[in-house]
Amino acid sequence: MGGVSSPTRNNPLEGLLVADFSRVLAGPFAAMMLADLGARVVKVERPGTGDDSRGYGPFLDGRSLYFARVNRGKQSVALDLKDPADLAVARALATRADVLVENYRPGVMGRLGLGVEELLELNPRLVYCSVSGFGHSGPWSQRPAYDAVVQGMSGIMAITGASGGAPVKPGVPVADLSAGLYAFGGITSALLGRERTGKGCHVDIAMYDATISLLEGAALSWLATGSDPVPIGNAHFAIAPFDTFACRDRDITICAANDTLFRSLLRALGLPEQPGFSTNAERHERRDALKALLEEVLRTQDADHWLDELDLAGVPCGPISTVAEAVGSEQAAVRRMVVEAGGLPGPGNPVKVSTAPDPVVRVAAPELDEHGAAVRAEFG
């Protein structure tokens, strides 16, 4: 399964044509996932500067890793969508495409002559995916948005961080990435539906919706009780012990999510049965006291000692890895979660399909307008 991905291999999306009018992160991420699984993705960029993310760091040998990470395997054509000749190429591409991905503010594509109603009339089988901050309906649909704005408005920041502390943004752009993943899933679902009906559709993905969907236990807690959740550090909203715990040298994560695992945890730590901690409800109600009890033992040995003991006992646990430890792990290497595209490293594709290749070396992200002449000749 090594080598560079090839159109002759059995990729599940082989033969699909994707017109990628998106930029920066959420839309390009979704389109890259399609490219990773075999689709031909033609990225339409602004002449001169291209996708904004070409100017975002970090840089390696003068090339943006940010851009390369979500645009590998694509073709690039620079088109001025306000120029009639370039717009004609864009419309021809869209009318022959299976999928169109765009992340302009609602209404912009329509004003350019590339709106969903118009293109679905010209190309009834088109799956037209729009990714925006707040979607194509609702009072906020015209609001501009970036990941941090949506994280703040979605409730994610309000429940992240230490108890009593200031709101904290997670260390990764969860609003953008979750929207991209939902777009990928929505597109592939719509393609499956098209096989049955023969008709395409509009897939409307909002970063706000995607991030709210990730609130999980916090949203359920408010819906059930009417009480607004507050940040509780690394603890869980409903399960204990399910947290990070201090050992003699560093912290580890322990997740004993049921009574059997909790008893196994106590045995591994050499502790007797604990009155008042028999059920999860009791443990969660007194989670601070429980954490103090467990850490009193855990602090007597280094993390590696306890990780070995807990692993033998079958208790889910793990170290708090640095990014270097996580990305550089043997597990990440075996799972091909670090790949090279055009000499630049980046995260691999987590979707592993048994019949498709999962190469370590992949097709590079394109230079601006690298395929412009060929695309214009084909669609002009």
Protein backbone atom coordinates (compact mmCIF):
# COMPACT_ATOMS: atom_id res chain seq x y z
CA MET A 1 0.00 0.00 0.00
CA GLY A 2 3.02 2.31 -0.25
CA GLY A 3 3.91 4.74 -2.96
CA VAL A 4 2.06 7.71 -4.40
CA SER A 5 -1.71 7.50 -4.81
CA SER A 6 -2.70 6.60 -8.37
CA PRO A 7 -5.96 6.85 -10.32
CA THR A 8 -5.55 3.23 -11.36
CA ARG A 9 -5.99 2.04 -7.77
CA ASN A 10 -9.35 1.19 -6.26
CA ASN A 11 -10.19 4.46 -4.54
CA PRO A 12 -13.89 4.63 -3.55
CA LEU A 13 -14.44 8.11 -5.07
CA GLU A 14 -12.49 7.50 -8.27
CA GLY A 15 -14.10 9.20 -11.28
CA LEU A 16 -15.82 11.99 -9.33
CA LEU A 17 -15.11 15.59 -10.32
CA VAL A 18 -15.17 18.17 -7.51
CA ALA A 19 -15.17 21.93 -8.10
CA ASP A 20 -13.61 23.44 -4.97
CA PHE A 21 -14.48 27.13 -4.63
CA SER A 22 -13.64 27.14 -0.90
CA ARG A 23 -10.72 28.65 0.93
CA VAL A 24 -8.81 28.62 4.23
CA LEU A 25 -9.89 25.57 6.27
CA ALA A 26 -13.39 24.06 6.60
CA GLY A 27 -14.26 23.75 2.90
CA PRO A 28 -10.75 22.86 1.72
CA PHE A 29 -10.53 20.20 4.46
CA ALA A 30 -13.74 18.55 3.21
CA ALA A 31 -12.55 18.72 -0.41
CA MET A 32 -9.16 17.26 0.53
CA MET A 33 -10.87 14.29 2.18
CA LEU A 34 -12.64 13.68 -1.13
CA ALA A 35 -9.31 13.95 -2.97
CA ASP A 36 -7.65 11.54 -0.53
CA LEU A 37 -10.29 8.95 -1.45
CA GLY A 38 -9.78 9.33 -5.19
CA ALA A 39 -11.88 12.26 -6.40
CA ARG A 40 -10.43 14.74 -8.87
CA VAL A 41 -10.59 18.12 -7.12
CA VAL A 42 -10.12 21.33 -9.10
CA LYS A 43 -9.48 24.23 -6.75
CA VAL A 44 -10.60 27.64 -8.00
CA GLU A 45 -8.44 30.42 -6.53
CA ARG A 46 -8.21 34.18 -6.69
CA PRO A 47 -5.62 35.38 -9.26
CA GLY A 48 -2.45 36.86 -7.82
CA THR A 49 -2.72 35.74 -4.20
CA GLY A 50 -4.82 32.59 -4.29
CA ASP A 51 -6.29 31.05 -1.15
CA ASP A 52 -5.68 33.26 1.91
CA SER A 53 -4.06 30.33 3.67
CA ARG A 54 -1.12 30.36 1.24
CA GLY A 55 0.09 33.22 3.44
CA TYR A 56 -0.42 31.43 6.77
CA GLY A 57 2.43 29.76 8.65
CA PRO A 58 4.17 27.67 9.64
CA PHE A 59 6.38 27.72 6.55
CA LEU A 60 8.89 25.14 5.36
CA ASP A 61 11.21 26.10 2.49
CA GLY A 62 8.97 29.10 1.83
CA ARG A 63 5.80 27.00 1.46
CA SER A 64 2.85 27.12 3.80
CA LEU A 65 2.27 23.90 5.71
CA TYR A 66 -1.18 25.27 6.60
CA PHE A 67 -2.16 25.43 2.92
CA ALA A 68 -0.45 22.17 2.03
CA ARG A 69 -2.16 20.29 4.84
CA VAL A 70 -5.71 20.76 3.43
CA ASN A 71 -5.03 21.06 -0.30
CA ARG A 72 -2.90 18.05 -1.18
CA GLY A 73 -3.89 16.10 -4.26
CA LYS A 74 -5.83 18.99 -5.86
CA GLN A 75 -5.43 20.90 -9.11
CA SER A 76 -5.34 24.72 -9.06
CA VAL A 77 -6.80 27.20 -11.52
CA ALA A 78 -6.77 30.96 -10.88
CA LEU A 79 -10.03 32.55 -12.03
CA ASP A 80 -11.38 36.06 -11.57
CA LEU A 81 -15.06 35.31 -11.03
CA LYS A 82 -15.95 38.92 -11.95
CA ASP A 83 -14.34 38.52 -15.37
CA PRO A 84 -16.81 37.13 -17.96
CA ALA A 85 -14.28 34.80 -19.61
CA ASP A 86 -13.04 33.37 -16.32
CA LEU A 87 -16.61 33.08 -15.01
CA ALA A 88 -17.52 31.06 -18.11
CA VAL A 89 -14.75 28.58 -17.27
CA ALA A 90 -15.99 28.38 -13.67
CA ARG A 91 -19.58 27.77 -14.81
CA ALA A 92 -18.48 25.09 -17.26
CA LEU A 93 -16.53 23.37 -14.49
CA ALA A 94 -19.54 23.56 -12.15
CA THR A 95 -21.99 22.24 -14.73
CA ARG A 96 -19.82 19.20 -15.39
CA ALA A 97 -18.86 18.54 -11.77
CA ASP A 98 -20.35 15.91 -9.49
CA VAL A 99 -19.69 18.02 -6.41
CA LEU A 100 -19.21 21.73 -5.75
CA VAL A 101 -17.81 22.97 -2.44
CA GLU A 102 -17.95 26.66 -1.49
CA ASN A 103 -17.64 28.62 1.74
CA TYR A 104 -18.57 32.16 0.76
CA ARG A 105 -21.07 34.10 2.84
CA PRO A 106 -24.63 33.12 1.80
CA GLY A 107 -25.68 34.98 -1.33
CA VAL A 108 -22.22 35.69 -2.73
CA MET A 109 -22.12 32.72 -5.11
CA GLY A 110 -25.57 33.66 -6.38
CA ARG A 111 -24.47 37.20 -7.15
CA LEU A 112 -21.54 35.77 -9.11
CA GLY A 113 -23.88 33.63 -11.23
CA LEU A 114 -22.86 30.43 -9.45
CA GLY A 115 -25.78 30.10 -7.04
CA VAL A 116 -27.23 26.75 -6.04
CA GLU A 117 -30.61 27.15 -7.78
CA GLU A 118 -29.02 28.23 -11.05
CA LEU A 119 -26.39 25.49 -11.09
CA LEU A 120 -28.82 22.73 -10.08
CA GLU A 121 -31.00 23.76 -13.02
CA LEU A 122 -28.01 23.48 -15.35
CA ASN A 123 -26.63 20.35 -13.65
CA PRO A 124 -29.44 18.47 -11.86
CA ARG A 125 -27.05 15.77 -10.58
CA LEU A 126 -24.77 18.27 -8.83
CA VAL A 127 -24.18 17.92 -5.09
CA TYR A 128 -23.69 21.56 -4.09
CA CYS A 129 -22.16 21.93 -0.61
CA SER A 130 -22.10 25.29 1.15
CA VAL A 131 -20.04 25.72 4.31
CA SER A 132 -20.56 28.97 6.22
CA GLY A 133 -20.38 30.36 9.72
CA PHE A 134 -24.09 30.18 10.51
CA GLY A 135 -25.76 28.48 7.55
CA HIS A 136 -28.12 29.66 4.83
CA SER A 137 -31.06 30.33 7.14
CA GLY A 138 -31.68 32.07 10.43
CA PRO A 139 -31.09 35.62 11.66
CA TRP A 140 -27.29 35.18 11.80
CA SER A 141 -26.83 33.84 8.28
CA GLN A 142 -25.10 37.00 7.03
CA ARG A 143 -22.70 37.33 9.95
CA PRO A 144 -19.01 36.90 9.09
CA ALA A 145 -17.28 34.22 11.10
CA TYR A 146 -13.97 32.62 11.84
CA ASP A 147 -13.32 29.58 14.01
CA ALA A 148 -12.69 31.52 17.24
CA VAL A 149 -15.87 33.58 16.78
CA VAL A 150 -17.96 30.45 16.40
CA GLN A 151 -16.24 28.68 19.28
CA GLY A 152 -17.11 31.61 21.52
CA MET A 153 -20.73 31.79 20.37
CA SER A 154 -21.31 28.02 20.45
CA GLY A 155 -20.68 27.53 24.17
CA ILE A 156 -17.48 25.52 23.69
CA MET A 157 -15.23 28.19 25.23
CA ALA A 158 -17.55 28.72 28.20
CA ILE A 159 -17.13 25.10 29.34
CA THR A 160 -13.41 24.75 28.57
CA GLY A 161 -10.72 25.45 31.15
CA ALA A 162 -10.20 25.19 34.89
CA SER A 163 -13.05 25.56 37.34
CA GLY A 164 -13.58 29.24 38.09
CA GLY A 165 -11.19 30.30 35.34
CA ALA A 166 -11.64 32.46 32.25
CA PRO A 167 -13.14 30.98 29.04
CA VAL A 168 -10.55 29.01 27.05
CA LYS A 169 -10.43 28.17 23.36
CA PRO A 170 -9.46 24.55 22.63
CA GLY A 171 -6.03 24.20 21.10
CA VAL A 172 -7.33 23.13 17.69
CA PRO A 173 -9.88 24.86 15.39
CA VAL A 174 -12.78 22.57 16.27
CA ALA A 175 -15.45 24.75 14.58
CA ASP A 176 -13.70 24.69 11.21
CA LEU A 177 -12.63 21.06 11.36
CA SER A 178 -15.97 19.71 12.58
CA ALA A 179 -17.77 21.66 9.83
CA GLY A 180 -15.35 20.18 7.30
CA LEU A 181 -16.00 16.67 8.55
CA TYR A 182 -19.77 17.15 8.48
CA ALA A 183 -19.45 18.56 4.96
CA PHE A 184 -17.47 15.47 3.91
CA GLY A 185 -20.12 13.19 5.42
CA GLY A 186 -22.98 15.23 3.96
CA ILE A 187 -21.44 15.19 0.49
CA THR A 188 -20.84 11.44 0.46
CA SER A 189 -24.36 10.83 1.81
CA ALA A 190 -25.84 13.05 -0.92
CA LEU A 191 -23.84 11.18 -3.56
CA LEU A 192 -25.28 7.91 -2.28
CA GLY A 193 -28.78 9.41 -2.44
CA ARG A 194 -28.10 10.60 -5.99
CA GLU A 195 -27.48 7.01 -7.02
CA ARG A 196 -31.05 6.21 -5.98
CA THR A 197 -32.87 9.34 -7.20
CA GLY A 198 -30.65 10.57 -10.03
CA LYS A 199 -30.79 14.06 -8.54
CA GLY A 200 -28.31 16.20 -6.68
CA CYS A 201 -29.11 18.57 -3.82
CA HIS A 202 -27.87 21.41 -1.65
CA VAL A 203 -25.88 20.43 1.45
CA ASP A 204 -25.94 23.37 3.91
CA ILE A 205 -23.29 23.10 6.66
CA ALA A 206 -22.88 25.73 9.38
CA MET A 207 -19.80 25.91 11.59
CA TYR A 208 -22.12 27.02 14.41
CA ASP A 209 -24.34 23.95 14.03
CA ALA A 210 -21.33 21.65 13.83
CA THR A 211 -19.80 23.06 17.01
CA ILE A 212 -23.06 22.98 18.96
CA SER A 213 -23.37 19.30 18.03
CA LEU A 214 -20.07 18.70 19.84
CA LEU A 215 -21.34 20.08 23.16
CA GLU A 216 -22.52 16.55 23.98
CA GLY A 217 -22.75 16.13 27.78
CA ALA A 218 -22.75 19.87 28.46
CA ALA A 219 -25.76 20.43 26.21
CA LEU A 220 -27.52 17.39 27.62
CA SER A 221 -26.91 18.65 31.15
CA TRP A 222 -28.53 22.01 30.41
CA LEU A 223 -31.42 20.43 28.49
CA ALA A 224 -32.11 18.06 31.38
CA THR A 225 -31.68 20.46 34.31
CA GLY A 226 -31.87 24.00 32.96
CA SER A 227 -28.62 24.72 34.78
CA ASP A 228 -25.83 26.20 32.65
CA PRO A 229 -22.69 24.00 32.85
CA VAL A 230 -19.44 25.56 34.04
CA PRO A 231 -15.87 24.50 33.22
CA ILE A 232 -14.61 21.62 35.33
CA GLY A 233 -11.08 21.24 33.99
CA ASN A 234 -10.29 17.77 32.68
CA ALA A 235 -13.09 16.03 34.57
CA HIS A 236 -16.18 14.56 32.91
CA PHE A 237 -19.65 16.06 33.24
CA ALA A 238 -21.23 12.73 34.19
CA ILE A 239 -18.56 10.10 34.96
CA ALA A 240 -15.96 9.69 37.72
CA PRO A 241 -13.12 8.92 37.93
CA PHE A 242 -12.64 10.27 34.41
CA ASP A 243 -9.90 12.89 34.64
CA THR A 244 -6.20 13.64 34.68
CA PHE A 245 -4.33 12.64 37.82
CA ALA A 246 -0.91 13.63 39.16
CA CYS A 247 1.76 10.97 39.58
CA ARG A 248 5.19 11.57 41.09
CA ASP A 249 6.67 12.94 37.86
CA ARG A 250 3.76 13.90 35.57
CA ASP A 251 0.03 13.62 35.00
CA ILE A 252 -1.81 10.70 33.41
CA THR A 253 -5.40 10.17 32.31
CA ILE A 254 -7.55 7.54 34.03
CA CYS A 255 -11.06 6.69 32.82
CA ALA A 256 -12.83 4.13 35.00
CA ALA A 257 -16.28 4.55 33.48
CA ASN A 258 -18.18 1.83 35.34
CA ASP A 259 -18.25 0.06 38.70
CA THR A 260 -16.21 -2.93 37.51
CA LEU A 261 -13.43 -0.73 36.18
CA PHE A 262 -13.45 1.32 39.37
CA ARG A 263 -12.94 -1.81 41.47
CA SER A 264 -10.09 -2.84 39.15
CA LEU A 265 -8.57 0.62 39.62
CA LEU A 266 -8.71 0.32 43.41
CA ARG A 267 -7.03 -3.09 43.30
CA ALA A 268 -4.27 -1.80 40.99
CA LEU A 269 -3.59 1.04 43.43
CA GLY A 270 -3.69 -1.27 46.45
CA LEU A 271 -6.74 0.47 47.89
CA PRO A 272 -9.64 -1.26 49.67
CA GLU A 273 -13.29 -0.79 48.70
CA GLN A 274 -14.26 2.80 49.41
CA PRO A 275 -17.48 3.61 51.29
CA GLY A 276 -19.36 6.44 49.61
CA PHE A 277 -17.87 5.69 46.19
CA SER A 278 -19.76 2.51 45.28
CA THR A 279 -21.75 3.96 42.37
CA ASN A 280 -20.91 6.37 39.61
CA ALA A 281 -23.46 8.84 40.96
CA GLU A 282 -21.67 8.87 44.32
CA ARG A 283 -18.26 9.12 42.71
CA HIS A 284 -19.32 11.98 40.46
CA GLU A 285 -20.95 13.88 43.32
CA ARG A 286 -17.73 13.61 45.35
CA ARG A 287 -15.25 13.67 42.47
CA ASP A 288 -12.89 16.17 44.14
CA ALA A 289 -12.57 14.00 47.23
CA LEU A 290 -12.14 10.93 45.05
CA LYS A 291 -9.39 12.60 43.04
CA ALA A 292 -7.54 13.54 46.22
CA LEU A 293 -7.78 9.94 47.46
CA LEU A 294 -6.43 8.47 44.24
CA GLU A 295 -3.66 11.04 43.83
CA GLU A 296 -2.40 10.37 47.34
CA VAL A 297 -1.39 6.91 46.08
CA LEU A 298 -0.49 7.89 42.52
CA ARG A 299 2.03 10.49 43.71
CA THR A 300 4.12 7.76 45.34
CA GLN A 301 5.34 6.41 41.96
CA ASP A 302 6.23 7.70 38.49
CA ALA A 303 3.65 7.72 35.72
CA ASP A 304 5.24 4.82 33.81
CA HIS A 305 4.88 2.56 36.84
CA TRP A 306 1.18 3.29 37.21
CA LEU A 307 0.50 3.10 33.49
CA ASP A 308 1.94 -0.42 33.47
CA GLU A 309 -0.08 -1.43 36.54
CA LEU A 310 -3.32 0.03 35.22
CA ASP A 311 -2.80 -1.50 31.81
CA LEU A 312 -2.35 -4.93 33.41
CA ALA A 313 -5.55 -4.34 35.36
CA GLY A 314 -7.45 -3.43 32.19
CA VAL A 315 -8.17 0.13 33.30
CA PRO A 316 -8.28 2.63 30.41
CA CYS A 317 -5.42 5.08 30.93
CA GLY A 318 -2.71 6.95 29.10
CA PRO A 319 0.03 9.56 29.38
CA ILE A 320 -0.48 13.24 28.62
CA SER A 321 1.58 13.22 25.44
CA THR A 322 3.19 16.22 23.84
CA VAL A 323 2.41 16.84 20.18
CA ALA A 324 5.88 15.49 19.38
CA GLU A 325 5.17 12.27 21.30
CA ALA A 326 1.75 11.83 19.67
CA VAL A 327 2.77 12.56 16.08
CA GLY A 328 6.07 10.73 16.48
CA SER A 329 4.62 7.58 18.02
CA GLU A 330 4.98 4.12 16.52
CA GLN A 331 1.17 3.91 16.47
CA ALA A 332 0.93 7.05 14.31
CA ALA A 333 3.58 5.67 11.97
CA VAL A 334 1.91 2.26 11.58
CA ARG A 335 -1.47 3.95 11.02
CA ARG A 336 0.16 6.25 8.41
CA MET A 337 -1.01 9.35 10.23
CA VAL A 338 2.01 11.33 9.07
CA VAL A 339 2.38 11.57 5.30
CA GLU A 340 4.47 13.53 2.83
CA ALA A 341 3.02 15.53 -0.05
CA GLY A 342 5.44 17.33 -2.33
CA GLY A 343 8.19 17.03 0.24
CA LEU A 344 6.05 18.61 2.97
CA PRO A 345 4.90 16.58 6.00
CA GLY A 346 1.35 16.64 7.30
CA PRO A 347 -1.33 14.58 9.05
CA GLY A 348 -2.57 11.52 7.18
CA ASN A 349 -6.10 10.41 6.38
CA PRO A 350 -7.90 8.69 9.30
CA VAL A 351 -10.41 7.05 6.92
CA LYS A 352 -8.91 3.64 6.23
CA VAL A 353 -10.70 1.76 3.43
CA SER A 354 -9.59 -1.86 3.01
CA THR A 355 -9.81 -1.82 -0.78
CA ALA A 356 -8.08 1.54 -1.28
CA PRO A 357 -4.43 2.61 -1.00
CA ASP A 358 -3.24 4.63 1.98
CA PRO A 359 0.11 5.89 0.71
CA VAL A 360 2.70 7.60 2.88
CA VAL A 361 3.72 9.73 -0.11
CA ARG A 362 0.85 11.68 -1.62
CA VAL A 363 0.31 14.16 -4.45
CA ALA A 364 1.44 17.65 -3.46
CA ALA A 365 -0.77 20.66 -2.88
CA PRO A 366 -0.70 22.69 -6.10
CA GLU A 367 1.12 25.89 -6.82
CA LEU A 368 -1.25 28.75 -7.64
CA ASP A 369 -2.70 28.25 -11.14
CA GLU A 370 -0.41 25.25 -11.66
CA HIS A 371 -3.08 23.54 -13.76
CA GLY A 372 -4.65 26.72 -15.13
CA ALA A 373 -3.82 26.20 -18.79
CA ALA A 374 -5.07 22.59 -18.80
CA VAL A 375 -8.26 23.43 -16.89
CA ARG A 376 -9.06 26.36 -19.17
CA ALA A 377 -8.50 24.19 -22.23
CA GLU A 378 -10.78 21.50 -20.82
CA PHE A 379 -13.60 23.75 -19.56
CA GLY A 380 -13.14 26.96 -21.53
